[in-house]
Each structure stands twice: as C-alpha cells, then as structure tokens.
C-alpha cells in the first residue's frame, strides 16, 4: 500500500530565525555567530588539528574546545569565536548595510 505524503504544516517566509520568533537583532546575531562558527570549524578541518593541538593554539580548556568541535553554538560567544579565528590566523570582517525598503501598494 503506497504511503501518503506528509502534509505541509508550515511554510517559511524565507528566514528560519524570523519564523522561530526571534527579533531582527537576535536573528542577525545568530546568523553572524553561525557563520563565524562554520568558518572556524572549516579552518580547523582544513588544517586537521586535533583537540589537543587546539587546546594549545586557542589557549583554551578542553570542554570549550569540545563545544567548538561539536558545534554547540549556545556555549560559545561571538567574541570568543572572533578570538579563535584570530588564533587560527584568520581575518574576520563585518559589513553592515541599510535595510531595503519594501515597496507598498497605495
């Protein structure tokens, strides 16, 4: 007997953080944090560092390195991610743009 396809229960407006009820500033902070975490983890993978090596490179305790490697975003601040990127020889930049105005029908 063929299975029925699941019915769509929610359609996103294009931004999952907005859909989850975060404010615009909270959403932006989470996106920046996620991008930083992703970039740092990719650099660690590229250089094939072990956790033991990262403890020395990042001058950090093992539980913090474990949180980083497991992607536990709630356990790591943006500031700490910026420090980690610096310790790994990376350079971070931030670009702030004005919001686009949405044309409204009169």
PDB file of N, CA and C in Angstrom:
ATOM      1  N   UNK A   1       0.849  -1.174   0.000  1.00  0.00           N
ATOM      2  CA  UNK A   1       0.000   0.000   0.000  1.00  0.00           C
ATOM      3  C   UNK A   1       0.900   1.243   0.000  1.00  0.00           C
ATOM      4  N   UNK A   2       0.703   2.185  -0.941  1.00  0.00           N
ATOM      5  CA  UNK A   2       1.543   3.382  -1.004  1.00  0.00           C
ATOM      6  C   UNK A   2       1.310   4.300   0.186  1.00  0.00           C
ATOM      7  N   UNK A   3       2.386   4.931   0.626  1.00  0.00           N
ATOM      8  CA  UNK A   3       2.301   5.859   1.758  1.00  0.00           C
ATOM      9  C   UNK A   3       1.833   7.217   1.273  1.00  0.00           C
ATOM     10  N   UNK A   4       1.101   7.898   2.124  1.00  0.00           N
ATOM     11  CA  UNK A   4       0.669   9.257   1.816  1.00  0.00           C
ATOM     12  C   UNK A   4       1.809  10.223   2.095  1.00  0.00           C
ATOM     13  N   UNK A   5       1.946  11.240   1.273  1.00  0.00           N
ATOM     14  CA  UNK A   5       2.951  12.275   1.521  1.00  0.00           C
ATOM     15  C   UNK A   5       2.503  13.106   2.710  1.00  0.00           C
ATOM     16  N   UNK A   6       3.454  13.526   3.502  1.00  0.00           N
ATOM     17  CA  UNK A   6       3.142  14.357   4.658  1.00  0.00           C
ATOM     18  C   UNK A   6       2.592  15.699   4.205  1.00  0.00           C
ATOM     19  N   UNK A   7       1.595  16.164   4.889  1.00  0.00           N
ATOM     20  CA  UNK A   7       1.014  17.462   4.571  1.00  0.00           C
ATOM     21  C   UNK A   7       1.923  18.563   5.101  1.00  0.00           C
ATOM     22  N   UNK A   8       2.035  19.639   4.348  1.00  0.00           N
ATOM     23  CA  UNK A   8       2.832  20.782   4.776  1.00  0.00           C
ATOM     24  C   UNK A   8       2.082  21.476   5.898  1.00  0.00           C
ATOM     25  N   UNK A   9       2.751  21.636   7.028  1.00  0.00           N
ATOM     26  CA  UNK A   9       2.104  22.272   8.173  1.00  0.00           C
ATOM     27  C   UNK A   9       2.548  23.707   8.381  1.00  0.00           C
ATOM     28  N   UNK A  10       3.673  24.079   7.774  1.00  0.00           N
ATOM     29  CA  UNK A  10       4.182  25.440   7.944  1.00  0.00           C
ATOM     30  C   UNK A  10       5.018  25.820   6.737  1.00  0.00           C
ATOM     31  N   UNK A  11       4.754  26.975   6.220  1.00  0.00           N
ATOM     32  CA  UNK A  11       5.535  27.486   5.102  1.00  0.00           C
ATOM     33  C   UNK A  11       6.377  28.633   5.627  1.00  0.00           C
ATOM     34  N   UNK A  12       7.679  28.567   5.395  1.00  0.00           N
ATOM     35  CA  UNK A  12       8.586  29.598   5.890  1.00  0.00           C
ATOM     36  C   UNK A  12       8.514  30.837   5.010  1.00  0.00           C
ATOM     37  N   UNK A  13       8.821  31.969   5.609  1.00  0.00           N
ATOM     38  CA  UNK A  13       8.865  33.227   4.868  1.00  0.00           C
ATOM     39  C   UNK A  13      10.280  33.466   4.338  1.00  0.00           C
ATOM     40  N   UNK A  14      11.143  32.488   4.470  1.00  0.00           N
ATOM     41  CA  UNK A  14      12.492  32.617   3.928  1.00  0.00           C
ATOM     42  C   UNK A  14      13.573  32.751   4.976  1.00  0.00           C
ATOM     43  N   UNK A  15      13.222  33.003   6.217  1.00  0.00           N
ATOM     44  CA  UNK A  15      14.217  33.142   7.277  1.00  0.00           C
ATOM     45  C   UNK A  15      13.750  32.350   8.489  1.00  0.00           C
ATOM     46  N   UNK A  16      14.429  31.251   8.756  1.00  0.00           N
ATOM     47  CA  UNK A  16      14.017  30.358   9.833  1.00  0.00           C
ATOM     48  C   UNK A  16      14.044  31.049  11.196  1.00  0.00           C
ATOM     49  N   UNK A  17      15.013  31.955  11.423  1.00  0.00           N
ATOM     50  CA  UNK A  17      15.082  32.645  12.708  1.00  0.00           C
ATOM     51  C   UNK A  17      13.869  33.545  12.915  1.00  0.00           C
ATOM     52  N   UNK A  18      13.441  34.230  11.861  1.00  0.00           N
ATOM     53  CA  UNK A  18      12.235  35.048  11.956  1.00  0.00           C
ATOM     54  C   UNK A  18      11.023  34.173  12.247  1.00  0.00           C
ATOM     55  N   UNK A  19      10.958  33.040  11.572  1.00  0.00           N
ATOM     56  CA  UNK A  19       9.840  32.122  11.762  1.00  0.00           C
ATOM     57  C   UNK A  19       9.791  31.556  13.176  1.00  0.00           C
ATOM     58  N   UNK A  20      10.950  31.454  13.811  1.00  0.00           N
ATOM     59  CA  UNK A  20      11.004  30.930  15.185  1.00  0.00           C
ATOM     60  C   UNK A  20      10.682  32.005  16.227  1.00  0.00           C
ATOM     61  N   UNK A  21      10.464  33.222  15.778  1.00  0.00           N
ATOM     62  CA  UNK A  21      10.055  34.274  16.697  1.00  0.00           C
ATOM     63  C   UNK A  21      11.166  35.158  17.221  1.00  0.00           C
ATOM     64  N   UNK A  22      12.363  35.035  16.682  1.00  0.00           N
ATOM     65  CA  UNK A  22      13.459  35.897  17.117  1.00  0.00           C
ATOM     66  C   UNK A  22      13.256  37.301  16.554  1.00  0.00           C
ATOM     67  N   UNK A  23      13.719  38.297  17.296  1.00  0.00           N
ATOM     68  CA  UNK A  23      13.680  39.664  16.784  1.00  0.00           C
ATOM     69  C   UNK A  23      14.713  39.793  15.675  1.00  0.00           C
ATOM     70  N   UNK A  24      14.648  40.878  14.926  1.00  0.00           N
ATOM     71  CA  UNK A  24      15.600  41.089  13.836  1.00  0.00           C
ATOM     72  C   UNK A  24      17.034  41.109  14.359  1.00  0.00           C
ATOM     73  N   UNK A  25      17.262  41.782  15.498  1.00  0.00           N
ATOM     74  CA  UNK A  25      18.628  41.857  16.034  1.00  0.00           C
ATOM     75  C   UNK A  25      19.095  40.495  16.549  1.00  0.00           C
ATOM     76  N   UNK A  26      18.223  39.742  17.193  1.00  0.00           N
ATOM     77  CA  UNK A  26      18.596  38.394  17.648  1.00  0.00           C
ATOM     78  C   UNK A  26      18.896  37.488  16.455  1.00  0.00           C
ATOM     79  N   UNK A  27      18.082  37.592  15.437  1.00  0.00           N
ATOM     80  CA  UNK A  27      18.266  36.806  14.230  1.00  0.00           C
ATOM     81  C   UNK A  27      19.605  37.119  13.566  1.00  0.00           C
ATOM     82  N   UNK A  28      19.927  38.397  13.463  1.00  0.00           N
ATOM     83  CA  UNK A  28      21.188  38.815  12.855  1.00  0.00           C
ATOM     84  C   UNK A  28      22.373  38.304  13.661  1.00  0.00           C
ATOM     85  N   UNK A  29      22.297  38.413  14.988  1.00  0.00           N
ATOM     86  CA  UNK A  29      23.386  37.938  15.847  1.00  0.00           C
ATOM     87  C   UNK A  29      23.583  36.425  15.689  1.00  0.00           C
ATOM     88  N   UNK A  30      22.502  35.677  15.618  1.00  0.00           N
ATOM     89  CA  UNK A  30      22.607  34.226  15.450  1.00  0.00           C
ATOM     90  C   UNK A  30      23.201  33.857  14.096  1.00  0.00           C
ATOM     91  N   UNK A  31      22.835  34.598  13.055  1.00  0.00           N
ATOM     92  CA  UNK A  31      23.395  34.327  11.724  1.00  0.00           C
ATOM     93  C   UNK A  31      24.894  34.611  11.700  1.00  0.00           C
ATOM     94  N   UNK A  32      25.303  35.716  12.304  1.00  0.00           N
ATOM     95  CA  UNK A  32      26.732  36.063  12.353  1.00  0.00           C
ATOM     96  C   UNK A  32      27.487  35.007  13.145  1.00  0.00           C
ATOM     97  N   UNK A  33      26.926  34.615  14.273  1.00  0.00           N
ATOM     98  CA  UNK A  33      27.561  33.606  15.123  1.00  0.00           C
ATOM     99  C   UNK A  33      27.691  32.280  14.375  1.00  0.00           C
ATOM    100  N   UNK A  34      26.643  31.892  13.661  1.00  0.00           N
ATOM    101  CA  UNK A  34      26.669  30.639  12.907  1.00  0.00           C
ATOM    102  C   UNK A  34      27.707  30.701  11.787  1.00  0.00           C
ATOM    103  N   UNK A  35      27.803  31.833  11.108  1.00  0.00           N
ATOM    104  CA  UNK A  35      28.799  31.991  10.042  1.00  0.00           C
ATOM    105  C   UNK A  35      30.219  31.918  10.599  1.00  0.00           C
ATOM    106  N   UNK A  36      30.449  32.575  11.743  1.00  0.00           N
ATOM    107  CA  UNK A  36      31.771  32.528  12.382  1.00  0.00           C
ATOM    108  C   UNK A  36      32.126  31.100  12.805  1.00  0.00           C
ATOM    109  N   UNK A  37      31.190  30.443  13.452  1.00  0.00           N
ATOM    110  CA  UNK A  37      31.425  29.071  13.904  1.00  0.00           C
ATOM    111  C   UNK A  37      31.741  28.161  12.721  1.00  0.00           C
ATOM    112  N   UNK A  38      30.985  28.303  11.652  1.00  0.00           N
ATOM    113  CA  UNK A  38      31.210  27.487  10.458  1.00  0.00           C
ATOM    114  C   UNK A  38      32.595  27.738   9.873  1.00  0.00           C
ATOM    115  N   UNK A  39      32.996  29.006   9.772  1.00  0.00           N
ATOM    116  CA  UNK A  39      34.303  29.348   9.203  1.00  0.00           C
ATOM    117  C   UNK A  39      35.445  28.806  10.063  1.00  0.00           C
ATOM    118  N   UNK A  40      35.327  28.944  11.379  1.00  0.00           N
ATOM    119  CA  UNK A  40      36.367  28.452  12.294  1.00  0.00           C
ATOM    120  C   UNK A  40      36.473  26.929  12.199  1.00  0.00           C
ATOM    121  N   UNK A  41      35.341  26.251  12.197  1.00  0.00           N
ATOM    122  CA  UNK A  41      35.371  24.786  12.119  1.00  0.00           C
ATOM    123  C   UNK A  41      35.944  24.298  10.794  1.00  0.00           C
ATOM    124  N   UNK A  42      35.635  24.992   9.703  1.00  0.00           N
ATOM    125  CA  UNK A  42      36.187  24.614   8.401  1.00  0.00           C
ATOM    126  C   UNK A  42      37.703  24.792   8.379  1.00  0.00           C
ATOM    127  N   UNK A  43      38.191  25.868   9.003  1.00  0.00           N
ATOM    128  CA  UNK A  43      39.640  26.094   9.064  1.00  0.00           C
ATOM    129  C   UNK A  43      40.314  25.010   9.898  1.00  0.00           C
ATOM    130  N   UNK A  44      39.696  24.622  10.991  1.00  0.00           N
ATOM    131  CA  UNK A  44      40.231  23.548  11.838  1.00  0.00           C
ATOM    132  C   UNK A  44      40.281  22.241  11.041  1.00  0.00           C
ATOM    133  N   UNK A  45      39.225  21.941  10.310  1.00  0.00           N
ATOM    134  CA  UNK A  45      39.197  20.725   9.492  1.00  0.00           C
ATOM    135  C   UNK A  45      40.247  20.794   8.388  1.00  0.00           C
ATOM    136  N   UNK A  46      40.390  21.970   7.761  1.00  0.00           N
ATOM    137  CA  UNK A  46      41.358  22.142   6.677  1.00  0.00           C
ATOM    138  C   UNK A  46      42.780  21.874   7.169  1.00  0.00           C
ATOM    139  N   UNK A  47      43.087  22.364   8.382  1.00  0.00           N
ATOM    140  CA  UNK A  47      44.429  22.185   8.940  1.00  0.00           C
ATOM    141  C   UNK A  47      44.573  20.884   9.728  1.00  0.00           C
ATOM    142  N   UNK A  48      43.475  20.154   9.864  1.00  0.00           N
ATOM    143  CA  UNK A  48      43.453  18.849  10.532  1.00  0.00           C
ATOM    144  C   UNK A  48      44.005  18.881  11.956  1.00  0.00           C
ATOM    145  N   UNK A  49      43.593  19.888  12.704  1.00  0.00           N
ATOM    146  CA  UNK A  49      44.015  19.998  14.096  1.00  0.00           C
ATOM    147  C   UNK A  49      43.263  18.992  14.961  1.00  0.00           C
ATOM    148  N   UNK A  50      43.960  18.436  15.933  1.00  0.00           N
ATOM    149  CA  UNK A  50      43.314  17.596  16.936  1.00  0.00           C
ATOM    150  C   UNK A  50      42.842  18.497  18.076  1.00  0.00           C
ATOM    151  N   UNK A  51      42.002  17.960  18.938  1.00  0.00           N
ATOM    152  CA  UNK A  51      41.556  18.747  20.094  1.00  0.00           C
ATOM    153  C   UNK A  51      42.744  19.120  20.973  1.00  0.00           C
ATOM    154  N   UNK A  52      43.676  18.230  21.118  1.00  0.00           N
ATOM    155  CA  UNK A  52      44.866  18.509  21.944  1.00  0.00           C
ATOM    156  C   UNK A  52      45.644  19.690  21.372  1.00  0.00           C
ATOM    157  N   UNK A  53      45.814  19.724  20.061  1.00  0.00           N
ATOM    158  CA  UNK A  53      46.512  20.843  19.421  1.00  0.00           C
ATOM    159  C   UNK A  53      45.729  22.143  19.596  1.00  0.00           C
ATOM    160  N   UNK A  54      44.404  22.058  19.479  1.00  0.00           N
ATOM    161  CA  UNK A  54      43.567  23.256  19.613  1.00  0.00           C
ATOM    162  C   UNK A  54      43.604  23.832  21.025  1.00  0.00           C
ATOM    163  N   UNK A  55      43.740  22.982  22.017  1.00  0.00           N
ATOM    164  CA  UNK A  55      43.838  23.464  23.393  1.00  0.00           C
ATOM    165  C   UNK A  55      45.020  24.415  23.519  1.00  0.00           C
ATOM    166  N   UNK A  56      46.141  24.050  22.900  1.00  0.00           N
ATOM    167  CA  UNK A  56      47.340  24.899  22.940  1.00  0.00           C
ATOM    168  C   UNK A  56      47.199  26.117  22.024  1.00  0.00           C
ATOM    169  N   UNK A  57      46.719  25.920  20.813  1.00  0.00           N
ATOM    170  CA  UNK A  57      46.608  27.015  19.841  1.00  0.00           C
ATOM    171  C   UNK A  57      45.629  28.088  20.317  1.00  0.00           C
ATOM    172  N   UNK A  58      44.479  27.644  20.824  1.00  0.00           N
ATOM    173  CA  UNK A  58      43.434  28.581  21.236  1.00  0.00           C
ATOM    174  C   UNK A  58      43.600  29.041  22.682  1.00  0.00           C
ATOM    175  N   UNK A  59      44.560  28.446  23.401  1.00  0.00           N
ATOM    176  CA  UNK A  59      44.763  28.738  24.820  1.00  0.00           C
ATOM    177  C   UNK A  59      43.438  28.599  25.564  1.00  0.00           C
ATOM    178  N   UNK A  60      42.846  27.413  25.414  1.00  0.00           N
ATOM    179  CA  UNK A  60      41.502  27.158  25.920  1.00  0.00           C
ATOM    180  C   UNK A  60      41.479  25.828  26.654  1.00  0.00           C
ATOM    181  N   UNK A  61      40.488  25.641  27.501  1.00  0.00           N
ATOM    182  CA  UNK A  61      40.303  24.380  28.211  1.00  0.00           C
ATOM    183  C   UNK A  61      39.618  23.369  27.303  1.00  0.00           C
ATOM    184  N   UNK A  62      39.793  22.089  27.618  1.00  0.00           N
ATOM    185  CA  UNK A  62      39.252  21.014  26.782  1.00  0.00           C
ATOM    186  C   UNK A  62      37.732  21.102  26.609  1.00  0.00           C
ATOM    187  N   UNK A  63      36.930  21.378  27.643  1.00  0.00           N
ATOM    188  CA  UNK A  63      35.480  21.437  27.425  1.00  0.00           C
ATOM    189  C   UNK A  63      35.067  22.515  26.409  1.00  0.00           C
ATOM    190  N   UNK A  64      35.763  23.642  26.409  1.00  0.00           N
ATOM    191  CA  UNK A  64      35.448  24.709  25.447  1.00  0.00           C
ATOM    192  C   UNK A  64      35.799  24.269  24.031  1.00  0.00           C
ATOM    193  N   UNK A  65      36.921  23.568  23.867  1.00  0.00           N
ATOM    194  CA  UNK A  65      37.312  23.066  22.553  1.00  0.00           C
ATOM    195  C   UNK A  65      36.309  22.004  22.093  1.00  0.00           C
ATOM    196  N   UNK A  66      35.851  21.181  22.998  1.00  0.00           N
ATOM    197  CA  UNK A  66      34.845  20.173  22.675  1.00  0.00           C
ATOM    198  C   UNK A  66      33.548  20.841  22.200  1.00  0.00           C
ATOM    199  N   UNK A  67      33.120  21.890  22.904  1.00  0.00           N
ATOM    200  CA  UNK A  67      31.912  22.626  22.485  1.00  0.00           C
ATOM    201  C   UNK A  67      32.075  23.187  21.083  1.00  0.00           C
ATOM    202  N   UNK A  68      33.253  23.705  20.791  1.00  0.00           N
ATOM    203  CA  UNK A  68      33.537  24.245  19.467  1.00  0.00           C
ATOM    204  C   UNK A  68      33.450  23.143  18.412  1.00  0.00           C
ATOM    205  N   UNK A  69      34.112  22.032  18.674  1.00  0.00           N
ATOM    206  CA  UNK A  69      34.158  20.949  17.696  1.00  0.00           C
ATOM    207  C   UNK A  69      32.789  20.303  17.470  1.00  0.00           C
ATOM    208  N   UNK A  70      31.965  20.313  18.485  1.00  0.00           N
ATOM    209  CA  UNK A  70      30.625  19.734  18.367  1.00  0.00           C
ATOM    210  C   UNK A  70      29.601  20.740  17.837  1.00  0.00           C
ATOM    211  N   UNK A  71      30.030  21.981  17.621  1.00  0.00           N
ATOM    212  CA  UNK A  71      29.134  22.995  17.073  1.00  0.00           C
ATOM    213  C   UNK A  71      28.075  23.475  18.043  1.00  0.00           C
ATOM    214  N   UNK A  72      28.380  23.422  19.322  1.00  0.00           N
ATOM    215  CA  UNK A  72      27.418  23.870  20.346  1.00  0.00           C
ATOM    216  C   UNK A  72      27.412  25.392  20.411  1.00  0.00           C
ATOM    217  N   UNK A  73      26.661  25.975  19.515  1.00  0.00           N
ATOM    218  CA  UNK A  73      26.664  27.420  19.295  1.00  0.00           C
ATOM    219  C   UNK A  73      26.226  28.212  20.529  1.00  0.00           C
ATOM    220  N   UNK A  74      25.363  27.643  21.348  1.00  0.00           N
ATOM    221  CA  UNK A  74      24.889  28.362  22.530  1.00  0.00           C
ATOM    222  C   UNK A  74      25.960  28.470  23.608  1.00  0.00           C
ATOM    223  N   UNK A  75      27.003  27.647  23.523  1.00  0.00           N
ATOM    224  CA  UNK A  75      28.052  27.634  24.532  1.00  0.00           C
ATOM    225  C   UNK A  75      29.224  28.546  24.194  1.00  0.00           C
ATOM    226  N   UNK A  76      29.175  29.205  23.009  1.00  0.00           N
ATOM    227  CA  UNK A  76      30.311  29.996  22.541  1.00  0.00           C
ATOM    228  C   UNK A  76      29.829  31.387  22.162  1.00  0.00           C
ATOM    229  N   UNK A  77      30.501  32.413  22.664  1.00  0.00           N
ATOM    230  CA  UNK A  77      30.124  33.795  22.340  1.00  0.00           C
ATOM    231  C   UNK A  77      30.740  34.222  21.010  1.00  0.00           C
ATOM    232  N   UNK A  78      30.171  35.267  20.435  1.00  0.00           N
ATOM    233  CA  UNK A  78      30.725  35.838  19.209  1.00  0.00           C
ATOM    234  C   UNK A  78      32.155  36.307  19.462  1.00  0.00           C
ATOM    235  N   UNK A  79      32.382  36.919  20.609  1.00  0.00           N
ATOM    236  CA  UNK A  79      33.720  37.416  20.946  1.00  0.00           C
ATOM    237  C   UNK A  79      34.738  36.281  20.994  1.00  0.00           C
ATOM    238  N   UNK A  80      34.325  35.153  21.580  1.00  0.00           N
ATOM    239  CA  UNK A  80      35.237  34.012  21.677  1.00  0.00           C
ATOM    240  C   UNK A  80      35.519  33.442  20.286  1.00  0.00           C
ATOM    241  N   UNK A  81      34.509  33.402  19.432  1.00  0.00           N
ATOM    242  CA  UNK A  81      34.714  32.919  18.065  1.00  0.00           C
ATOM    243  C   UNK A  81      35.666  33.833  17.297  1.00  0.00           C
ATOM    244  N   UNK A  82      35.563  35.138  17.535  1.00  0.00           N
ATOM    245  CA  UNK A  82      36.485  36.072  16.894  1.00  0.00           C
ATOM    246  C   UNK A  82      37.910  35.855  17.387  1.00  0.00           C
ATOM    247  N   UNK A  83      38.062  35.596  18.686  1.00  0.00           N
ATOM    248  CA  UNK A  83      39.387  35.317  19.238  1.00  0.00           C
ATOM    249  C   UNK A  83      39.945  34.027  18.653  1.00  0.00           C
ATOM    250  N   UNK A  84      39.102  32.993  18.536  1.00  0.00           N
ATOM    251  CA  UNK A  84      39.542  31.734  17.949  1.00  0.00           C
ATOM    252  C   UNK A  84      40.002  31.944  16.509  1.00  0.00           C
ATOM    253  N   UNK A  85      39.231  32.719  15.744  1.00  0.00           N
ATOM    254  CA  UNK A  85      39.612  32.950  14.340  1.00  0.00           C
ATOM    255  C   UNK A  85      40.958  33.660  14.268  1.00  0.00           C
ATOM    256  N   UNK A  86      41.202  34.581  15.182  1.00  0.00           N
ATOM    257  CA  UNK A  86      42.491  35.273  15.216  1.00  0.00           C
ATOM    258  C   UNK A  86      43.620  34.302  15.555  1.00  0.00           C
ATOM    259  N   UNK A  87      43.401  33.440  16.529  1.00  0.00           N
ATOM    260  CA  UNK A  87      44.416  32.453  16.914  1.00  0.00           C
ATOM    261  C   UNK A  87      44.728  31.490  15.772  1.00  0.00           C
ATOM    262  N   UNK A  88      43.763  31.268  14.904  1.00  0.00           N
ATOM    263  CA  UNK A  88      43.950  30.360  13.773  1.00  0.00           C
ATOM    264  C   UNK A  88      44.505  31.072  12.541  1.00  0.00           C
ATOM    265  N   UNK A  89      44.819  32.369  12.694  1.00  0.00           N
ATOM    266  CA  UNK A  89      45.396  33.123  11.584  1.00  0.00           C
ATOM    267  C   UNK A  89      44.372  33.581  10.564  1.00  0.00           C
ATOM    268  N   UNK A  90      43.139  33.668  10.980  1.00  0.00           N
ATOM    269  CA  UNK A  90      42.068  34.106  10.084  1.00  0.00           C
ATOM    270  C   UNK A  90      41.803  35.591  10.308  1.00  0.00           C
ATOM    271  N   UNK A  91      41.130  36.196   9.358  1.00  0.00           N
ATOM    272  CA  UNK A  91      40.748  37.602   9.493  1.00  0.00           C
ATOM    273  C   UNK A  91      39.250  37.708   9.261  1.00  0.00           C
ATOM    274  N   UNK A  92      38.542  38.292  10.206  1.00  0.00           N
ATOM    275  CA  UNK A  92      37.094  38.440  10.093  1.00  0.00           C
ATOM    276  C   UNK A  92      36.756  39.884   9.740  1.00  0.00           C
ATOM    277  N   UNK A  93      35.741  40.032   8.905  1.00  0.00           N
ATOM    278  CA  UNK A  93      35.232  41.360   8.581  1.00  0.00           C
ATOM    279  C   UNK A  93      33.717  41.338   8.712  1.00  0.00           C
ATOM    280  N   UNK A  94      33.147  42.497   8.930  1.00  0.00           N
ATOM    281  CA  UNK A  94      31.701  42.630   9.056  1.00  0.00           C
ATOM    282  C   UNK A  94      31.261  43.764   8.154  1.00  0.00           C
ATOM    283  N   UNK A  95      30.224  43.536   7.407  1.00  0.00           N
ATOM    284  CA  UNK A  95      29.700  44.553   6.509  1.00  0.00           C
ATOM    285  C   UNK A  95      28.271  44.839   6.930  1.00  0.00           C
ATOM    286  N   UNK A  96      27.973  46.093   7.229  1.00  0.00           N
ATOM    287  CA  UNK A  96      26.639  46.491   7.661  1.00  0.00           C
ATOM    288  C   UNK A  96      26.001  47.295   6.536  1.00  0.00           C
ATOM    289  N   UNK A  97      24.821  46.887   6.139  1.00  0.00           N
ATOM    290  CA  UNK A  97      24.129  47.533   5.040  1.00  0.00           C
ATOM    291  C   UNK A  97      22.786  48.083   5.506  1.00  0.00           C
ATOM    292  N   UNK A  98      22.310  49.153   4.870  1.00  0.00           N
ATOM    293  CA  UNK A  98      20.973  49.633   5.219  1.00  0.00           C
ATOM    294  C   UNK A  98      19.930  48.623   4.761  1.00  0.00           C
ATOM    295  N   UNK A  99      18.807  48.593   5.457  1.00  0.00           N
ATOM    296  CA  UNK A  99      17.748  47.664   5.064  1.00  0.00           C
ATOM    297  C   UNK A  99      17.111  48.130   3.770  1.00  0.00           C
ATOM    298  N   UNK A 100      16.651  47.180   3.013  1.00  0.00           N
ATOM    299  CA  UNK A 100      15.954  47.511   1.773  1.00  0.00           C
ATOM    300  C   UNK A 100      14.522  47.892   2.106  1.00  0.00           C
ATOM    301  N   UNK A 101      14.065  48.959   1.509  1.00  0.00           N
ATOM    302  CA  UNK A 101      12.680  49.357   1.714  1.00  0.00           C
ATOM    303  C   UNK A 101      11.805  48.551   0.787  1.00  0.00           C
ATOM    304  N   UNK A 102      10.722  48.056   1.351  1.00  0.00           N
ATOM    305  CA  UNK A 102       9.782  47.269   0.580  1.00  0.00           C
ATOM    306  C   UNK A 102       8.729  48.215   0.006  1.00  0.00           C
ATOM    307  N   UNK A 103       8.533  48.131  -1.286  1.00  0.00           N
ATOM    308  CA  UNK A 103       7.526  48.992  -1.924  1.00  0.00           C
ATOM    309  C   UNK A 103       6.143  48.553  -1.465  1.00  0.00           C
ATOM    310  N   UNK A 104       5.348  49.513  -1.078  1.00  0.00           N
ATOM    311  CA  UNK A 104       3.987  49.207  -0.628  1.00  0.00           C
ATOM    312  C   UNK A 104       3.001  49.701  -1.661  1.00  0.00           C
ATOM    313  N   UNK A 105       1.957  48.944  -1.831  1.00  0.00           N
ATOM    314  CA  UNK A 105       0.904  49.330  -2.787  1.00  0.00           C
ATOM    315  C   UNK A 105       0.030  50.392  -2.138  1.00  0.00           C
ATOM    316  N   UNK A 106      -0.294  51.420  -2.904  1.00  0.00           N
ATOM    317  CA  UNK A 106      -1.113  52.509  -2.357  1.00  0.00           C
ATOM    318  C   UNK A 106      -2.564  52.256  -2.537  1.00  0.00           C
TER     319      UNK A 106
END
